[in-house]
Amino acid sequence: MNEDNLLKVYEEYMSLTGKLLSEDANALELAPIMIKIGLEIYKTVMSKEDFDRMVDYISDCRGDVRNLSEFLPEIH
């Protein structure tokens, strides 16, 4: 995984999210869609054991999740 490519993809997702929010998409509708797609990708490319570890890891990191309102003021 290339860190520059990862940052580019992250910025693309943030841009798309900001665009959708500025077009009156509901943040509480966007978030579960993004999570679902991410989990579906993990499930597709990982073994069952790795997928289960990833889901556990994501859950364990919930305290590290930041508030995006400073980056995406469109979020209410």
PDB file of N, CA and C in Angstrom:
ATOM      1  N   MET A   1       0.852  -1.178   0.000  1.00  0.00           N
ATOM      2  CA  MET A   1       0.000   0.000   0.000  1.00  0.00           C
ATOM      3  C   MET A   1       0.899   1.243   0.000  1.00  0.00           C
ATOM      4  N   ASN A   2       0.726   2.094  -0.964  1.00  0.00           N
ATOM      5  CA  ASN A   2       1.496   3.308  -1.117  1.00  0.00           C
ATOM      6  C   ASN A   2       0.832   4.431  -0.317  1.00  0.00           C
ATOM      7  N   GLU A   3       1.594   5.062   0.574  1.00  0.00           N
ATOM      8  CA  GLU A   3       1.028   6.102   1.438  1.00  0.00           C
ATOM      9  C   GLU A   3       0.522   7.301   0.641  1.00  0.00           C
ATOM     10  N   ASP A   4       1.238   7.670  -0.426  1.00  0.00           N
ATOM     11  CA  ASP A   4       0.785   8.792  -1.263  1.00  0.00           C
ATOM     12  C   ASP A   4      -0.544   8.457  -1.929  1.00  0.00           C
ATOM     13  N   ASN A   5      -0.673   7.236  -2.430  1.00  0.00           N
ATOM     14  CA  ASN A   5      -1.913   6.815  -3.072  1.00  0.00           C
ATOM     15  C   ASN A   5      -3.050   6.762  -2.051  1.00  0.00           C
ATOM     16  N   LEU A   6      -2.752   6.276  -0.861  1.00  0.00           N
ATOM     17  CA  LEU A   6      -3.752   6.204   0.199  1.00  0.00           C
ATOM     18  C   LEU A   6      -4.273   7.604   0.532  1.00  0.00           C
ATOM     19  N   LEU A   7      -3.378   8.569   0.645  1.00  0.00           N
ATOM     20  CA  LEU A   7      -3.775   9.945   0.934  1.00  0.00           C
ATOM     21  C   LEU A   7      -4.621  10.518  -0.206  1.00  0.00           C
ATOM     22  N   LYS A   8      -4.238  10.219  -1.440  1.00  0.00           N
ATOM     23  CA  LYS A   8      -5.004  10.691  -2.598  1.00  0.00           C
ATOM     24  C   LYS A   8      -6.432  10.135  -2.583  1.00  0.00           C
ATOM     25  N   VAL A   9      -6.569   8.842  -2.307  1.00  0.00           N
ATOM     26  CA  VAL A   9      -7.891   8.216  -2.251  1.00  0.00           C
ATOM     27  C   VAL A   9      -8.708   8.825  -1.103  1.00  0.00           C
ATOM     28  N   TYR A  10      -8.073   9.016   0.053  1.00  0.00           N
ATOM     29  CA  TYR A  10      -8.754   9.621   1.198  1.00  0.00           C
ATOM     30  C   TYR A  10      -9.280  11.011   0.825  1.00  0.00           C
ATOM     31  N   GLU A  11      -8.441  11.803   0.179  1.00  0.00           N
ATOM     32  CA  GLU A  11      -8.853  13.153  -0.202  1.00  0.00           C
ATOM     33  C   GLU A  11      -9.999  13.120  -1.217  1.00  0.00           C
ATOM     34  N   GLU A  12      -9.989  12.143  -2.121  1.00  0.00           N
ATOM     35  CA  GLU A  12     -11.082  11.989  -3.090  1.00  0.00           C
ATOM     36  C   GLU A  12     -12.399  11.678  -2.371  1.00  0.00           C
ATOM     37  N   TYR A  13     -12.343  10.753  -1.392  1.00  0.00           N
ATOM     38  CA  TYR A  13     -13.556  10.418  -0.624  1.00  0.00           C
ATOM     39  C   TYR A  13     -14.054  11.623   0.170  1.00  0.00           C
ATOM     40  N   MET A  14     -13.132  12.365   0.770  1.00  0.00           N
ATOM     41  CA  MET A  14     -13.535  13.549   1.532  1.00  0.00           C
ATOM     42  C   MET A  14     -14.167  14.582   0.605  1.00  0.00           C
ATOM     43  N   SER A  15     -13.609  14.740  -0.573  1.00  0.00           N
ATOM     44  CA  SER A  15     -14.159  15.680  -1.543  1.00  0.00           C
ATOM     45  C   SER A  15     -15.565  15.260  -1.971  1.00  0.00           C
ATOM     46  N   LEU A  16     -15.729  13.982  -2.278  1.00  0.00           N
ATOM     47  CA  LEU A  16     -17.048  13.475  -2.660  1.00  0.00           C
ATOM     48  C   LEU A  16     -18.048  13.646  -1.518  1.00  0.00           C
ATOM     49  N   THR A  17     -17.616  13.348  -0.309  1.00  0.00           N
ATOM     50  CA  THR A  17     -18.493  13.489   0.850  1.00  0.00           C
ATOM     51  C   THR A  17     -18.912  14.945   1.027  1.00  0.00           C
ATOM     52  N   GLY A  18     -17.951  15.861   0.933  1.00  0.00           N
ATOM     53  CA  GLY A  18     -18.267  17.281   1.048  1.00  0.00           C
ATOM     54  C   GLY A  18     -19.231  17.737  -0.039  1.00  0.00           C
ATOM     55  N   LYS A  19     -19.022  17.246  -1.269  1.00  0.00           N
ATOM     56  CA  LYS A  19     -19.903  17.593  -2.383  1.00  0.00           C
ATOM     57  C   LYS A  19     -21.320  17.106  -2.116  1.00  0.00           C
ATOM     58  N   LEU A  20     -21.457  15.847  -1.698  1.00  0.00           N
ATOM     59  CA  LEU A  20     -22.787  15.292  -1.429  1.00  0.00           C
ATOM     60  C   LEU A  20     -23.477  16.039  -0.300  1.00  0.00           C
ATOM     61  N   LEU A  21     -22.722  16.372   0.742  1.00  0.00           N
ATOM     62  CA  LEU A  21     -23.308  17.094   1.866  1.00  0.00           C
ATOM     63  C   LEU A  21     -23.737  18.504   1.448  1.00  0.00           C
ATOM     64  N   SER A  22     -22.951  19.132   0.582  1.00  0.00           N
ATOM     65  CA  SER A  22     -23.308  20.483   0.136  1.00  0.00           C
ATOM     66  C   SER A  22     -24.527  20.455  -0.784  1.00  0.00           C
ATOM     67  N   GLU A  23     -24.830  19.279  -1.317  1.00  0.00           N
ATOM     68  CA  GLU A  23     -26.029  19.113  -2.160  1.00  0.00           C
ATOM     69  C   GLU A  23     -27.202  18.584  -1.336  1.00  0.00           C
ATOM     70  N   ASP A  24     -27.128  18.758  -0.032  1.00  0.00           N
ATOM     71  CA  ASP A  24     -28.194  18.417   0.910  1.00  0.00           C
ATOM     72  C   ASP A  24     -28.351  16.927   1.191  1.00  0.00           C
ATOM     73  N   ALA A  25     -27.318  16.134   0.928  1.00  0.00           N
ATOM     74  CA  ALA A  25     -27.367  14.744   1.382  1.00  0.00           C
ATOM     75  C   ALA A  25     -27.313  14.749   2.905  1.00  0.00           C
ATOM     76  N   ASN A  26     -27.928  13.782   3.514  1.00  0.00           N
ATOM     77  CA  ASN A  26     -27.972  13.670   4.962  1.00  0.00           C
ATOM     78  C   ASN A  26     -26.752  12.878   5.446  1.00  0.00           C
ATOM     79  N   ALA A  27     -25.979  13.457   6.367  1.00  0.00           N
ATOM     80  CA  ALA A  27     -24.783  12.796   6.887  1.00  0.00           C
ATOM     81  C   ALA A  27     -25.113  11.440   7.508  1.00  0.00           C
ATOM     82  N   LEU A  28     -26.294  11.334   8.124  1.00  0.00           N
ATOM     83  CA  LEU A  28     -26.680  10.063   8.751  1.00  0.00           C
ATOM     84  C   LEU A  28     -27.118   9.026   7.721  1.00  0.00           C
ATOM     85  N   GLU A  29     -27.272   9.428   6.491  1.00  0.00           N
ATOM     86  CA  GLU A  29     -27.519   8.478   5.405  1.00  0.00           C
ATOM     87  C   GLU A  29     -26.209   8.121   4.703  1.00  0.00           C
ATOM     88  N   LEU A  30     -25.308   9.089   4.580  1.00  0.00           N
ATOM     89  CA  LEU A  30     -24.024   8.829   3.919  1.00  0.00           C
ATOM     90  C   LEU A  30     -23.126   7.892   4.721  1.00  0.00           C
ATOM     91  N   ALA A  31     -23.020   8.127   6.018  1.00  0.00           N
ATOM     92  CA  ALA A  31     -22.085   7.366   6.846  1.00  0.00           C
ATOM     93  C   ALA A  31     -22.312   5.849   6.793  1.00  0.00           C
ATOM     94  N   PRO A  32     -23.536   5.355   6.969  1.00  0.00           N
ATOM     95  CA  PRO A  32     -23.700   3.895   6.925  1.00  0.00           C
ATOM     96  C   PRO A  32     -23.417   3.302   5.544  1.00  0.00           C
ATOM     97  N   ILE A  33     -23.663   4.089   4.497  1.00  0.00           N
ATOM     98  CA  ILE A  33     -23.350   3.600   3.153  1.00  0.00           C
ATOM     99  C   ILE A  33     -21.845   3.436   3.001  1.00  0.00           C
ATOM    100  N   MET A  34     -21.086   4.425   3.472  1.00  0.00           N
ATOM    101  CA  MET A  34     -19.630   4.358   3.374  1.00  0.00           C
ATOM    102  C   MET A  34     -19.081   3.192   4.201  1.00  0.00           C
ATOM    103  N   ILE A  35     -19.610   3.008   5.394  1.00  0.00           N
ATOM    104  CA  ILE A  35     -19.163   1.897   6.244  1.00  0.00           C
ATOM    105  C   ILE A  35     -19.480   0.566   5.586  1.00  0.00           C
ATOM    106  N   LYS A  36     -20.681   0.435   5.049  1.00  0.00           N
ATOM    107  CA  LYS A  36     -21.089  -0.816   4.416  1.00  0.00           C
ATOM    108  C   LYS A  36     -20.199  -1.154   3.234  1.00  0.00           C
ATOM    109  N   ILE A  37     -19.905  -0.161   2.392  1.00  0.00           N
ATOM    110  CA  ILE A  37     -19.042  -0.404   1.240  1.00  0.00           C
ATOM    111  C   ILE A  37     -17.648  -0.837   1.699  1.00  0.00           C
ATOM    112  N   GLY A  38     -17.114  -0.163   2.698  1.00  0.00           N
ATOM    113  CA  GLY A  38     -15.797  -0.526   3.225  1.00  0.00           C
ATOM    114  C   GLY A  38     -15.765  -1.951   3.748  1.00  0.00           C
ATOM    115  N   LEU A  39     -16.783  -2.324   4.508  1.00  0.00           N
ATOM    116  CA  LEU A  39     -16.842  -3.687   5.044  1.00  0.00           C
ATOM    117  C   LEU A  39     -16.997  -4.716   3.925  1.00  0.00           C
ATOM    118  N   GLU A  40     -17.774  -4.375   2.900  1.00  0.00           N
ATOM    119  CA  GLU A  40     -17.931  -5.295   1.770  1.00  0.00           C
ATOM    120  C   GLU A  40     -16.609  -5.492   1.026  1.00  0.00           C
ATOM    121  N   ILE A  41     -15.832  -4.417   0.892  1.00  0.00           N
ATOM    122  CA  ILE A  41     -14.517  -4.548   0.259  1.00  0.00           C
ATOM    123  C   ILE A  41     -13.613  -5.444   1.110  1.00  0.00           C
ATOM    124  N   TYR A  42     -13.555  -5.180   2.413  1.00  0.00           N
ATOM    125  CA  TYR A  42     -12.742  -6.023   3.303  1.00  0.00           C
ATOM    126  C   TYR A  42     -13.163  -7.486   3.196  1.00  0.00           C
ATOM    127  N   LYS A  43     -14.454  -7.732   3.252  1.00  0.00           N
ATOM    128  CA  LYS A  43     -14.950  -9.113   3.221  1.00  0.00           C
ATOM    129  C   LYS A  43     -14.594  -9.797   1.902  1.00  0.00           C
ATOM    130  N   THR A  44     -14.555  -9.036   0.817  1.00  0.00           N
ATOM    131  CA  THR A  44     -14.240  -9.584  -0.493  1.00  0.00           C
ATOM    132  C   THR A  44     -12.766  -9.962  -0.617  1.00  0.00           C
ATOM    133  N   VAL A  45     -11.874  -9.139  -0.055  1.00  0.00           N
ATOM    134  CA  VAL A  45     -10.443  -9.345  -0.288  1.00  0.00           C
ATOM    135  C   VAL A  45      -9.709 -10.026   0.870  1.00  0.00           C
ATOM    136  N   MET A  46     -10.375 -10.250   1.999  1.00  0.00           N
ATOM    137  CA  MET A  46      -9.723 -10.842   3.168  1.00  0.00           C
ATOM    138  C   MET A  46     -10.275 -12.227   3.468  1.00  0.00           C
ATOM    139  N   SER A  47      -9.456 -12.993   4.147  1.00  0.00           N
ATOM    140  CA  SER A  47      -9.958 -14.269   4.665  1.00  0.00           C
ATOM    141  C   SER A  47     -10.955 -13.969   5.772  1.00  0.00           C
ATOM    142  N   LYS A  48     -11.750 -14.948   6.150  1.00  0.00           N
ATOM    143  CA  LYS A  48     -12.734 -14.758   7.221  1.00  0.00           C
ATOM    144  C   LYS A  48     -12.049 -14.323   8.509  1.00  0.00           C
ATOM    145  N   GLU A  49     -10.924 -14.950   8.810  1.00  0.00           N
ATOM    146  CA  GLU A  49     -10.204 -14.628  10.052  1.00  0.00           C
ATOM    147  C   GLU A  49      -9.679 -13.187  10.018  1.00  0.00           C
ATOM    148  N   ASP A  50      -9.095 -12.781   8.886  1.00  0.00           N
ATOM    149  CA  ASP A  50      -8.587 -11.416   8.774  1.00  0.00           C
ATOM    150  C   ASP A  50      -9.725 -10.398   8.809  1.00  0.00           C
ATOM    151  N   PHE A  51     -10.835 -10.732   8.164  1.00  0.00           N
ATOM    152  CA  PHE A  51     -11.998  -9.847   8.186  1.00  0.00           C
ATOM    153  C   PHE A  51     -12.492  -9.659   9.621  1.00  0.00           C
ATOM    154  N   ASP A  52     -12.623 -10.759  10.357  1.00  0.00           N
ATOM    155  CA  ASP A  52     -13.084 -10.669  11.745  1.00  0.00           C
ATOM    156  C   ASP A  52     -12.122  -9.844  12.586  1.00  0.00           C
ATOM    157  N   ARG A  53     -10.801 -10.009  12.371  1.00  0.00           N
ATOM    158  CA  ARG A  53      -9.813  -9.209  13.104  1.00  0.00           C
ATOM    159  C   ARG A  53      -9.939  -7.726  12.750  1.00  0.00           C
ATOM    160  N   MET A  54     -10.173  -7.439  11.480  1.00  0.00           N
ATOM    161  CA  MET A  54     -10.305  -6.047  11.048  1.00  0.00           C
ATOM    162  C   MET A  54     -11.534  -5.403  11.690  1.00  0.00           C
ATOM    163  N   VAL A  55     -12.649  -6.096  11.701  1.00  0.00           N
ATOM    164  CA  VAL A  55     -13.863  -5.552  12.305  1.00  0.00           C
ATOM    165  C   VAL A  55     -13.639  -5.314  13.805  1.00  0.00           C
ATOM    166  N   ASP A  56     -12.967  -6.249  14.467  1.00  0.00           N
ATOM    167  CA  ASP A  56     -12.647  -6.065  15.891  1.00  0.00           C
ATOM    168  C   ASP A  56     -11.728  -4.859  16.086  1.00  0.00           C
ATOM    169  N   TYR A  57     -10.734  -4.726  15.211  1.00  0.00           N
ATOM    170  CA  TYR A  57      -9.796  -3.607  15.300  1.00  0.00           C
ATOM    171  C   TYR A  57     -10.536  -2.273  15.118  1.00  0.00           C
ATOM    172  N   ILE A  58     -11.411  -2.218  14.121  1.00  0.00           N
ATOM    173  CA  ILE A  58     -12.182  -1.001  13.876  1.00  0.00           C
ATOM    174  C   ILE A  58     -13.000  -0.651  15.120  1.00  0.00           C
ATOM    175  N   SER A  59     -13.639  -1.638  15.709  1.00  0.00           N
ATOM    176  CA  SER A  59     -14.433  -1.404  16.917  1.00  0.00           C
ATOM    177  C   SER A  59     -13.550  -0.926  18.069  1.00  0.00           C
ATOM    178  N   ASP A  60     -12.379  -1.531  18.207  1.00  0.00           N
ATOM    179  CA  ASP A  60     -11.460  -1.148  19.281  1.00  0.00           C
ATOM    180  C   ASP A  60     -10.951   0.291  19.135  1.00  0.00           C
ATOM    181  N   CYS A  61     -10.915   0.803  17.908  1.00  0.00           N
ATOM    182  CA  CYS A  61     -10.398   2.150  17.642  1.00  0.00           C
ATOM    183  C   CYS A  61     -11.471   3.228  17.675  1.00  0.00           C
ATOM    184  N   ARG A  62     -12.673   2.894  18.099  1.00  0.00           N
ATOM    185  CA  ARG A  62     -13.766   3.872  18.047  1.00  0.00           C
ATOM    186  C   ARG A  62     -13.465   5.120  18.869  1.00  0.00           C
ATOM    187  N   GLY A  63     -12.647   5.004  19.893  1.00  0.00           N
ATOM    188  CA  GLY A  63     -12.274   6.179  20.687  1.00  0.00           C
ATOM    189  C   GLY A  63     -11.322   7.115  19.970  1.00  0.00           C
ATOM    190  N   ASP A  64     -10.697   6.647  18.886  1.00  0.00           N
ATOM    191  CA  ASP A  64      -9.749   7.453  18.115  1.00  0.00           C
ATOM    192  C   ASP A  64     -10.414   8.202  16.964  1.00  0.00           C
ATOM    193  N   VAL A  65     -11.694   7.983  16.761  1.00  0.00           N
ATOM    194  CA  VAL A  65     -12.403   8.607  15.643  1.00  0.00           C
ATOM    195  C   VAL A  65     -12.558  10.095  15.929  1.00  0.00           C
ATOM    196  N   ARG A  66     -12.194  10.912  14.947  1.00  0.00           N
ATOM    197  CA  ARG A  66     -12.253  12.368  15.154  1.00  0.00           C
ATOM    198  C   ARG A  66     -13.532  12.960  14.582  1.00  0.00           C
ATOM    199  N   ASN A  67     -13.861  14.112  15.044  1.00  0.00           N
ATOM    200  CA  ASN A  67     -15.010  14.871  14.562  1.00  0.00           C
ATOM    201  C   ASN A  67     -14.587  15.596  13.285  1.00  0.00           C
ATOM    202  N   LEU A  68     -15.302  15.397  12.206  1.00  0.00           N
ATOM    203  CA  LEU A  68     -14.920  15.975  10.925  1.00  0.00           C
ATOM    204  C   LEU A  68     -15.501  17.359  10.663  1.00  0.00           C
ATOM    205  N   SER A  69     -16.220  17.923  11.603  1.00  0.00           N
ATOM    206  CA  SER A  69     -16.878  19.203  11.342  1.00  0.00           C
ATOM    207  C   SER A  69     -15.869  20.308  11.001  1.00  0.00           C
ATOM    208  N   GLU A  70     -14.642  20.212  11.497  1.00  0.00           N
ATOM    209  CA  GLU A  70     -13.652  21.247  11.160  1.00  0.00           C
ATOM    210  C   GLU A  70     -13.163  21.091   9.706  1.00  0.00           C
ATOM    211  N   PHE A  71     -13.265  19.889   9.150  1.00  0.00           N
ATOM    212  CA  PHE A  71     -12.839  19.640   7.777  1.00  0.00           C
ATOM    213  C   PHE A  71     -13.991  19.729   6.791  1.00  0.00           C
ATOM    214  N   LEU A  72     -15.168  19.348   7.257  1.00  0.00           N
ATOM    215  CA  LEU A  72     -16.365  19.367   6.408  1.00  0.00           C
ATOM    216  C   LEU A  72     -17.452  20.148   7.138  1.00  0.00           C
ATOM    217  N   PRO A  73     -17.428  21.467   7.024  1.00  0.00           N
ATOM    218  CA  PRO A  73     -18.425  22.269   7.754  1.00  0.00           C
ATOM    219  C   PRO A  73     -19.859  21.982   7.348  1.00  0.00           C
ATOM    220  N   GLU A  74     -20.035  21.257   6.216  1.00  0.00           N
ATOM    221  CA  GLU A  74     -21.387  20.920   5.766  1.00  0.00           C
ATOM    222  C   GLU A  74     -22.069  19.914   6.683  1.00  0.00           C
ATOM    223  N   ILE A  75     -21.263  19.213   7.503  1.00  0.00           N
ATOM    224  CA  ILE A  75     -21.841  18.197   8.398  1.00  0.00           C
ATOM    225  C   ILE A  75     -22.542  18.915   9.547  1.00  0.00           C
ATOM    226  N   HIS A  76     -23.743  18.496   9.817  1.00  0.00           N
ATOM    227  CA  HIS A  76     -24.530  19.109  10.898  1.00  0.00           C
ATOM    228  C   HIS A  76     -24.649  18.104  12.032  1.00  0.00           C
TER     229      HIS A  76
END
